[in-house]
Amino acid sequence: MTGYVVDASVAVKWLVREQLSSNAESLLDANLTLVAPELLFAEASNALWAMVRRGDMGSADFAEAISVLKDAPIVIPTPMRHLAASAARLAVDLDHPVYDCFYLALAVQEQYKVVTADARFHDKVEGHPYLSDRVVHLVKVG
């Protein structure tokens, strides 16, 4: 079975209608295994909270989105502590925040690609000599 590591930028698009939401939703409709580090839930929840804070989402919608997020068909195959050393090495190698590199470390471990809507992260990984095959931008999905 094929699959992807999904990051928080993709998960948020499942919950809030915005550009590329239909691409993100196509991942849910396909026969794919979707995996992520547990970090996804913290990052997506924080992004939704920021929308509440800006007034782009009400508190009831926020609560509903969190409920939907917790039931998303995402497998957590590895505790984050087991990814930490790899994520740290990748962060140094890419000169990119460790948070994103947890997704990349999991992608390397599981032999999947990370699907992301984060252009900065995508471009960093795609431009790397031996990691470029581990990332796909959400625009190319669906």
N, C-alpha and C. Protein backbone atom coordinates (compact mmCIF):
# COMPACT_ATOMS: atom_id res chain seq x y z
N MET A 1 0.85 -1.18 0.00
CA MET A 1 0.00 0.00 0.00
C MET A 1 0.89 1.24 0.00
N THR A 2 0.47 2.24 -0.71
CA THR A 2 1.23 3.48 -0.76
C THR A 2 0.72 4.44 0.31
N GLY A 3 1.55 5.41 0.60
CA GLY A 3 1.15 6.37 1.60
C GLY A 3 1.99 7.62 1.58
N TYR A 4 1.67 8.49 2.50
CA TYR A 4 2.37 9.75 2.68
C TYR A 4 2.51 10.05 4.16
N VAL A 5 3.54 10.80 4.47
CA VAL A 5 3.61 11.49 5.76
C VAL A 5 2.93 12.83 5.51
N VAL A 6 1.91 13.14 6.27
CA VAL A 6 1.22 14.42 6.11
C VAL A 6 1.66 15.36 7.22
N ASP A 7 1.86 16.61 6.86
CA ASP A 7 2.24 17.57 7.89
C ASP A 7 1.03 18.42 8.29
N ALA A 8 1.23 19.28 9.25
CA ALA A 8 0.13 20.08 9.80
C ALA A 8 -0.48 21.01 8.75
N SER A 9 0.31 21.47 7.80
CA SER A 9 -0.24 22.37 6.78
C SER A 9 -1.30 21.67 5.94
N VAL A 10 -1.16 20.36 5.78
CA VAL A 10 -2.15 19.56 5.05
C VAL A 10 -3.37 19.31 5.94
N ALA A 11 -3.13 18.92 7.18
CA ALA A 11 -4.23 18.62 8.11
C ALA A 11 -5.14 19.83 8.29
N VAL A 12 -4.58 21.01 8.38
CA VAL A 12 -5.40 22.21 8.55
C VAL A 12 -6.33 22.40 7.36
N LYS A 13 -5.87 22.04 6.18
CA LYS A 13 -6.70 22.19 4.98
C LYS A 13 -7.85 21.18 4.95
N TRP A 14 -7.77 20.13 5.74
CA TRP A 14 -8.91 19.23 5.90
C TRP A 14 -10.00 19.89 6.73
N LEU A 15 -9.61 20.82 7.58
CA LEU A 15 -10.50 21.37 8.59
C LEU A 15 -11.04 22.75 8.27
N VAL A 16 -10.32 23.48 7.44
CA VAL A 16 -10.68 24.86 7.10
C VAL A 16 -10.65 24.99 5.58
N ARG A 17 -11.69 25.53 5.02
CA ARG A 17 -11.75 25.69 3.57
C ARG A 17 -10.82 26.80 3.16
N GLU A 18 -9.77 26.44 2.42
CA GLU A 18 -8.82 27.40 1.90
C GLU A 18 -8.18 26.83 0.64
N GLN A 19 -7.31 27.59 0.02
CA GLN A 19 -6.66 27.13 -1.19
C GLN A 19 -6.00 25.77 -0.97
N LEU A 20 -6.18 24.86 -1.88
CA LEU A 20 -5.64 23.49 -1.88
C LEU A 20 -6.36 22.55 -0.92
N SER A 21 -7.47 22.98 -0.32
CA SER A 21 -8.23 22.08 0.54
C SER A 21 -8.72 20.85 -0.22
N SER A 22 -9.14 21.02 -1.46
CA SER A 22 -9.61 19.86 -2.22
C SER A 22 -8.48 18.88 -2.48
N ASN A 23 -7.28 19.39 -2.70
CA ASN A 23 -6.12 18.50 -2.87
C ASN A 23 -5.87 17.72 -1.59
N ALA A 24 -5.95 18.40 -0.46
CA ALA A 24 -5.74 17.74 0.84
C ALA A 24 -6.82 16.69 1.07
N GLU A 25 -8.05 17.02 0.76
CA GLU A 25 -9.16 16.08 0.95
C GLU A 25 -9.02 14.85 0.06
N SER A 26 -8.40 15.00 -1.10
CA SER A 26 -8.22 13.85 -1.99
C SER A 26 -7.35 12.78 -1.34
N LEU A 27 -6.48 13.18 -0.43
CA LEU A 27 -5.66 12.20 0.30
C LEU A 27 -6.53 11.31 1.19
N LEU A 28 -7.60 11.90 1.71
CA LEU A 28 -8.51 11.14 2.57
C LEU A 28 -9.38 10.19 1.77
N ASP A 29 -9.65 10.55 0.53
CA ASP A 29 -10.52 9.74 -0.31
C ASP A 29 -9.78 8.61 -1.02
N ALA A 30 -8.48 8.71 -1.11
CA ALA A 30 -7.69 7.70 -1.80
C ALA A 30 -7.39 6.53 -0.85
N ASN A 31 -6.97 5.44 -1.44
CA ASN A 31 -6.62 4.26 -0.65
C ASN A 31 -5.14 4.37 -0.24
N LEU A 32 -4.86 5.31 0.65
CA LEU A 32 -3.50 5.62 1.07
C LEU A 32 -3.35 5.41 2.57
N THR A 33 -2.16 5.08 2.98
CA THR A 33 -1.82 5.11 4.39
C THR A 33 -1.29 6.50 4.69
N LEU A 34 -1.86 7.17 5.66
CA LEU A 34 -1.41 8.51 6.06
C LEU A 34 -0.78 8.39 7.44
N VAL A 35 0.47 8.81 7.54
CA VAL A 35 1.19 8.75 8.81
C VAL A 35 1.71 10.13 9.16
N ALA A 36 1.99 10.31 10.44
CA ALA A 36 2.53 11.59 10.92
C ALA A 36 3.12 11.37 12.31
N PRO A 37 4.02 12.26 12.70
CA PRO A 37 4.42 12.26 14.11
C PRO A 37 3.29 12.90 14.93
N GLU A 38 3.25 12.59 16.20
CA GLU A 38 2.20 13.18 17.06
C GLU A 38 2.22 14.70 17.04
N LEU A 39 3.34 15.26 16.68
CA LEU A 39 3.49 16.71 16.57
C LEU A 39 2.41 17.33 15.69
N LEU A 40 1.92 16.60 14.71
CA LEU A 40 0.89 17.11 13.80
C LEU A 40 -0.29 17.69 14.59
N PHE A 41 -0.71 17.00 15.64
CA PHE A 41 -1.89 17.43 16.39
C PHE A 41 -1.64 18.76 17.12
N ALA A 42 -0.45 18.92 17.65
CA ALA A 42 -0.11 20.18 18.32
C ALA A 42 0.00 21.32 17.31
N GLU A 43 0.68 21.07 16.20
CA GLU A 43 0.87 22.13 15.21
C GLU A 43 -0.44 22.53 14.54
N ALA A 44 -1.25 21.56 14.16
CA ALA A 44 -2.53 21.89 13.53
C ALA A 44 -3.44 22.61 14.51
N SER A 45 -3.48 22.14 15.75
CA SER A 45 -4.31 22.81 16.77
C SER A 45 -3.85 24.24 16.99
N ASN A 46 -2.56 24.46 17.00
CA ASN A 46 -2.03 25.81 17.19
C ASN A 46 -2.39 26.71 16.00
N ALA A 47 -2.32 26.17 14.78
CA ALA A 47 -2.69 26.95 13.60
C ALA A 47 -4.17 27.34 13.65
N LEU A 48 -5.01 26.42 14.10
CA LEU A 48 -6.45 26.72 14.24
C LEU A 48 -6.68 27.76 15.34
N TRP A 49 -5.97 27.63 16.45
CA TRP A 49 -6.09 28.61 17.53
C TRP A 49 -5.71 30.01 17.02
N ALA A 50 -4.66 30.07 16.19
CA ALA A 50 -4.25 31.37 15.64
C ALA A 50 -5.37 31.97 14.79
N MET A 51 -6.13 31.12 14.10
CA MET A 51 -7.27 31.61 13.33
C MET A 51 -8.35 32.18 14.24
N VAL A 52 -8.57 31.53 15.38
CA VAL A 52 -9.52 32.04 16.36
C VAL A 52 -9.04 33.39 16.88
N ARG A 53 -7.80 33.45 17.19
CA ARG A 53 -7.22 34.68 17.76
C ARG A 53 -7.34 35.86 16.78
N ARG A 54 -7.17 35.57 15.48
CA ARG A 54 -7.29 36.62 14.45
C ARG A 54 -8.75 36.96 14.14
N GLY A 55 -9.67 36.14 14.63
CA GLY A 55 -11.08 36.36 14.34
C GLY A 55 -11.55 35.68 13.07
N ASP A 56 -10.73 34.78 12.52
CA ASP A 56 -11.09 34.07 11.29
C ASP A 56 -11.92 32.82 11.57
N MET A 57 -12.04 32.45 12.84
CA MET A 57 -12.79 31.24 13.21
C MET A 57 -13.35 31.47 14.60
N GLY A 58 -14.56 31.00 14.82
CA GLY A 58 -15.18 31.10 16.13
C GLY A 58 -14.76 29.96 17.04
N SER A 59 -14.98 30.12 18.32
CA SER A 59 -14.56 29.09 19.28
C SER A 59 -15.31 27.78 19.10
N ALA A 60 -16.59 27.84 18.70
CA ALA A 60 -17.35 26.61 18.47
C ALA A 60 -16.80 25.86 17.26
N ASP A 61 -16.45 26.59 16.20
CA ASP A 61 -15.85 25.95 15.03
C ASP A 61 -14.47 25.37 15.36
N PHE A 62 -13.75 26.07 16.21
CA PHE A 62 -12.44 25.59 16.67
C PHE A 62 -12.60 24.26 17.39
N ALA A 63 -13.54 24.19 18.31
CA ALA A 63 -13.77 22.96 19.06
C ALA A 63 -14.18 21.82 18.13
N GLU A 64 -15.03 22.12 17.16
CA GLU A 64 -15.45 21.09 16.21
C GLU A 64 -14.28 20.62 15.35
N ALA A 65 -13.44 21.55 14.90
CA ALA A 65 -12.28 21.19 14.08
C ALA A 65 -11.32 20.29 14.86
N ILE A 66 -11.12 20.59 16.13
CA ILE A 66 -10.24 19.76 16.96
C ILE A 66 -10.82 18.35 17.09
N SER A 67 -12.12 18.26 17.23
CA SER A 67 -12.77 16.96 17.33
C SER A 67 -12.59 16.16 16.04
N VAL A 68 -12.75 16.81 14.90
CA VAL A 68 -12.56 16.15 13.61
C VAL A 68 -11.10 15.74 13.45
N LEU A 69 -10.20 16.62 13.84
CA LEU A 69 -8.76 16.32 13.73
C LEU A 69 -8.39 15.07 14.52
N LYS A 70 -8.91 14.96 15.72
CA LYS A 70 -8.53 13.80 16.54
C LYS A 70 -9.01 12.49 15.95
N ASP A 71 -10.04 12.54 15.12
CA ASP A 71 -10.55 11.34 14.47
C ASP A 71 -10.01 11.12 13.05
N ALA A 72 -9.07 11.96 12.62
CA ALA A 72 -8.51 11.83 11.27
C ALA A 72 -7.80 10.48 11.12
N PRO A 73 -7.85 9.91 9.93
CA PRO A 73 -7.25 8.59 9.71
C PRO A 73 -5.73 8.66 9.55
N ILE A 74 -5.08 9.03 10.62
CA ILE A 74 -3.63 9.18 10.62
C ILE A 74 -3.03 8.15 11.57
N VAL A 75 -2.03 7.45 11.07
CA VAL A 75 -1.31 6.46 11.88
C VAL A 75 -0.08 7.15 12.47
N ILE A 76 0.16 6.90 13.74
CA ILE A 76 1.36 7.41 14.42
C ILE A 76 2.28 6.21 14.64
N PRO A 77 3.18 5.93 13.70
CA PRO A 77 3.95 4.69 13.78
C PRO A 77 5.12 4.69 14.76
N THR A 78 5.59 5.88 15.12
CA THR A 78 6.82 5.97 15.93
C THR A 78 6.70 7.11 16.93
N PRO A 79 7.05 6.87 18.19
CA PRO A 79 7.07 7.98 19.15
C PRO A 79 8.08 9.06 18.71
N MET A 80 7.76 10.28 19.00
CA MET A 80 8.63 11.39 18.60
C MET A 80 10.03 11.26 19.18
N ARG A 81 10.14 10.73 20.36
CA ARG A 81 11.48 10.61 20.96
C ARG A 81 12.40 9.74 20.10
N HIS A 82 11.82 8.81 19.35
CA HIS A 82 12.63 7.95 18.48
C HIS A 82 13.02 8.64 17.18
N LEU A 83 12.35 9.73 16.86
CA LEU A 83 12.66 10.51 15.66
C LEU A 83 13.56 11.71 15.96
N ALA A 84 13.74 12.03 17.23
CA ALA A 84 14.40 13.28 17.61
C ALA A 84 15.82 13.41 17.07
N ALA A 85 16.62 12.38 17.19
CA ALA A 85 18.01 12.48 16.73
C ALA A 85 18.06 12.69 15.22
N SER A 86 17.26 11.94 14.48
CA SER A 86 17.23 12.09 13.02
C SER A 86 16.71 13.47 12.63
N ALA A 87 15.66 13.92 13.30
CA ALA A 87 15.11 15.25 13.01
C ALA A 87 16.14 16.34 13.28
N ALA A 88 16.88 16.20 14.36
CA ALA A 88 17.90 17.19 14.69
C ALA A 88 19.00 17.23 13.63
N ARG A 89 19.45 16.05 13.18
CA ARG A 89 20.48 16.01 12.13
C ARG A 89 19.97 16.64 10.84
N LEU A 90 18.73 16.32 10.48
CA LEU A 90 18.15 16.89 9.27
C LEU A 90 18.01 18.40 9.38
N ALA A 91 17.63 18.89 10.55
CA ALA A 91 17.49 20.34 10.76
C ALA A 91 18.81 21.06 10.53
N VAL A 92 19.88 20.47 11.04
CA VAL A 92 21.21 21.07 10.85
C VAL A 92 21.61 20.98 9.38
N ASP A 93 21.38 19.82 8.78
CA ASP A 93 21.76 19.61 7.38
C ASP A 93 21.00 20.55 6.44
N LEU A 94 19.72 20.77 6.70
CA LEU A 94 18.89 21.62 5.85
C LEU A 94 18.90 23.09 6.28
N ASP A 95 19.39 23.36 7.48
CA ASP A 95 19.27 24.69 8.07
C ASP A 95 17.80 25.10 8.08
N HIS A 96 17.00 24.23 8.70
CA HIS A 96 15.55 24.41 8.73
C HIS A 96 15.03 23.97 10.09
N PRO A 97 13.92 24.54 10.58
CA PRO A 97 13.41 24.21 11.91
C PRO A 97 13.18 22.71 12.15
N VAL A 98 13.50 22.29 13.35
CA VAL A 98 13.39 20.89 13.73
C VAL A 98 11.94 20.40 13.62
N TYR A 99 10.97 21.27 13.93
CA TYR A 99 9.57 20.85 13.88
C TYR A 99 9.26 20.17 12.54
N ASP A 100 9.58 20.82 11.44
CA ASP A 100 9.31 20.25 10.12
C ASP A 100 10.14 19.00 9.87
N CYS A 101 11.33 18.97 10.43
CA CYS A 101 12.22 17.84 10.18
C CYS A 101 11.75 16.55 10.87
N PHE A 102 10.87 16.65 11.86
CA PHE A 102 10.26 15.44 12.42
C PHE A 102 9.45 14.71 11.35
N TYR A 103 8.73 15.47 10.53
CA TYR A 103 7.96 14.87 9.44
C TYR A 103 8.90 14.21 8.43
N LEU A 104 9.99 14.89 8.13
CA LEU A 104 10.95 14.37 7.17
C LEU A 104 11.66 13.13 7.72
N ALA A 105 12.01 13.13 8.99
CA ALA A 105 12.64 11.96 9.60
C ALA A 105 11.71 10.76 9.52
N LEU A 106 10.42 10.99 9.76
CA LEU A 106 9.45 9.91 9.66
C LEU A 106 9.32 9.43 8.21
N ALA A 107 9.37 10.35 7.26
CA ALA A 107 9.29 9.97 5.84
C ALA A 107 10.47 9.09 5.44
N VAL A 108 11.64 9.42 5.90
CA VAL A 108 12.82 8.61 5.61
C VAL A 108 12.66 7.23 6.24
N GLN A 109 12.23 7.21 7.49
CA GLN A 109 12.05 5.93 8.19
C GLN A 109 11.01 5.04 7.52
N GLU A 110 9.89 5.62 7.14
CA GLU A 110 8.77 4.84 6.59
C GLU A 110 8.87 4.66 5.07
N GLN A 111 9.85 5.32 4.46
CA GLN A 111 10.04 5.28 3.00
C GLN A 111 8.81 5.83 2.25
N TYR A 112 8.28 6.91 2.79
CA TYR A 112 7.19 7.65 2.16
C TYR A 112 7.70 9.05 1.85
N LYS A 113 6.90 9.79 1.12
CA LYS A 113 7.18 11.20 0.90
C LYS A 113 6.37 12.01 1.90
N VAL A 114 6.89 13.17 2.26
CA VAL A 114 6.12 14.13 3.04
C VAL A 114 5.29 14.93 2.05
N VAL A 115 4.00 15.05 2.30
CA VAL A 115 3.19 15.95 1.50
C VAL A 115 2.93 17.17 2.37
N THR A 116 3.21 18.35 1.79
CA THR A 116 3.13 19.60 2.54
C THR A 116 2.59 20.71 1.67
N ALA A 117 1.96 21.67 2.30
CA ALA A 117 1.55 22.90 1.62
C ALA A 117 2.50 24.04 1.98
N ASP A 118 3.51 23.75 2.77
CA ASP A 118 4.49 24.73 3.23
C ASP A 118 5.58 24.87 2.16
N ALA A 119 5.50 25.93 1.37
CA ALA A 119 6.42 26.12 0.25
C ALA A 119 7.87 26.23 0.72
N ARG A 120 8.10 26.90 1.83
CA ARG A 120 9.47 27.07 2.32
C ARG A 120 10.10 25.72 2.66
N PHE A 121 9.36 24.89 3.39
CA PHE A 121 9.84 23.55 3.75
C PHE A 121 10.03 22.70 2.48
N HIS A 122 9.03 22.71 1.62
CA HIS A 122 9.11 21.95 0.37
C HIS A 122 10.37 22.32 -0.42
N ASP A 123 10.58 23.61 -0.59
CA ASP A 123 11.71 24.07 -1.40
C ASP A 123 13.05 23.70 -0.77
N LYS A 124 13.14 23.77 0.55
CA LYS A 124 14.37 23.37 1.24
C LYS A 124 14.70 21.92 0.97
N VAL A 125 13.69 21.06 1.13
CA VAL A 125 13.92 19.62 0.97
C VAL A 125 14.14 19.28 -0.51
N GLU A 126 13.33 19.85 -1.38
CA GLU A 126 13.46 19.54 -2.80
C GLU A 126 14.82 19.96 -3.36
N GLY A 127 15.40 20.98 -2.78
CA GLY A 127 16.70 21.46 -3.24
C GLY A 127 17.89 20.71 -2.65
N HIS A 128 17.63 19.75 -1.80
CA HIS A 128 18.71 19.00 -1.15
C HIS A 128 19.14 17.82 -2.01
N PRO A 129 20.44 17.55 -2.09
CA PRO A 129 20.92 16.52 -3.01
C PRO A 129 20.41 15.10 -2.75
N TYR A 130 20.22 14.72 -1.50
CA TYR A 130 19.77 13.34 -1.27
C TYR A 130 18.40 13.22 -0.60
N LEU A 131 17.73 14.33 -0.38
CA LEU A 131 16.39 14.30 0.22
C LEU A 131 15.29 14.73 -0.73
N SER A 132 15.65 15.19 -1.91
CA SER A 132 14.66 15.77 -2.82
C SER A 132 13.54 14.81 -3.20
N ASP A 133 13.79 13.51 -3.11
CA ASP A 133 12.74 12.55 -3.45
C ASP A 133 11.81 12.25 -2.28
N ARG A 134 11.98 12.96 -1.17
CA ARG A 134 11.18 12.71 0.04
C ARG A 134 10.10 13.74 0.29
N VAL A 135 9.84 14.62 -0.69
CA VAL A 135 8.85 15.67 -0.47
C VAL A 135 8.03 15.89 -1.74
N VAL A 136 6.76 16.19 -1.54
CA VAL A 136 5.89 16.59 -2.65
C VAL A 136 5.00 17.73 -2.13
N HIS A 137 4.83 18.73 -2.97
CA HIS A 137 3.96 19.85 -2.59
C HIS A 137 2.51 19.44 -2.83
N LEU A 138 1.63 19.88 -1.96
CA LEU A 138 0.22 19.54 -2.03
C LEU A 138 -0.40 19.91 -3.37
N VAL A 139 0.12 20.92 -4.02
CA VAL A 139 -0.41 21.33 -5.32
C VAL A 139 -0.32 20.20 -6.35
N LYS A 140 0.60 19.25 -6.15
CA LYS A 140 0.80 18.14 -7.10
C LYS A 140 0.01 16.89 -6.71
N VAL A 141 -0.80 17.01 -5.68
CA VAL A 141 -1.62 15.88 -5.20
C VAL A 141 -3.06 16.13 -5.61
N GLY A 142 -3.75 15.08 -5.98
CA GLY A 142 -5.18 15.23 -6.24
C GLY A 142 -5.57 15.38 -7.62
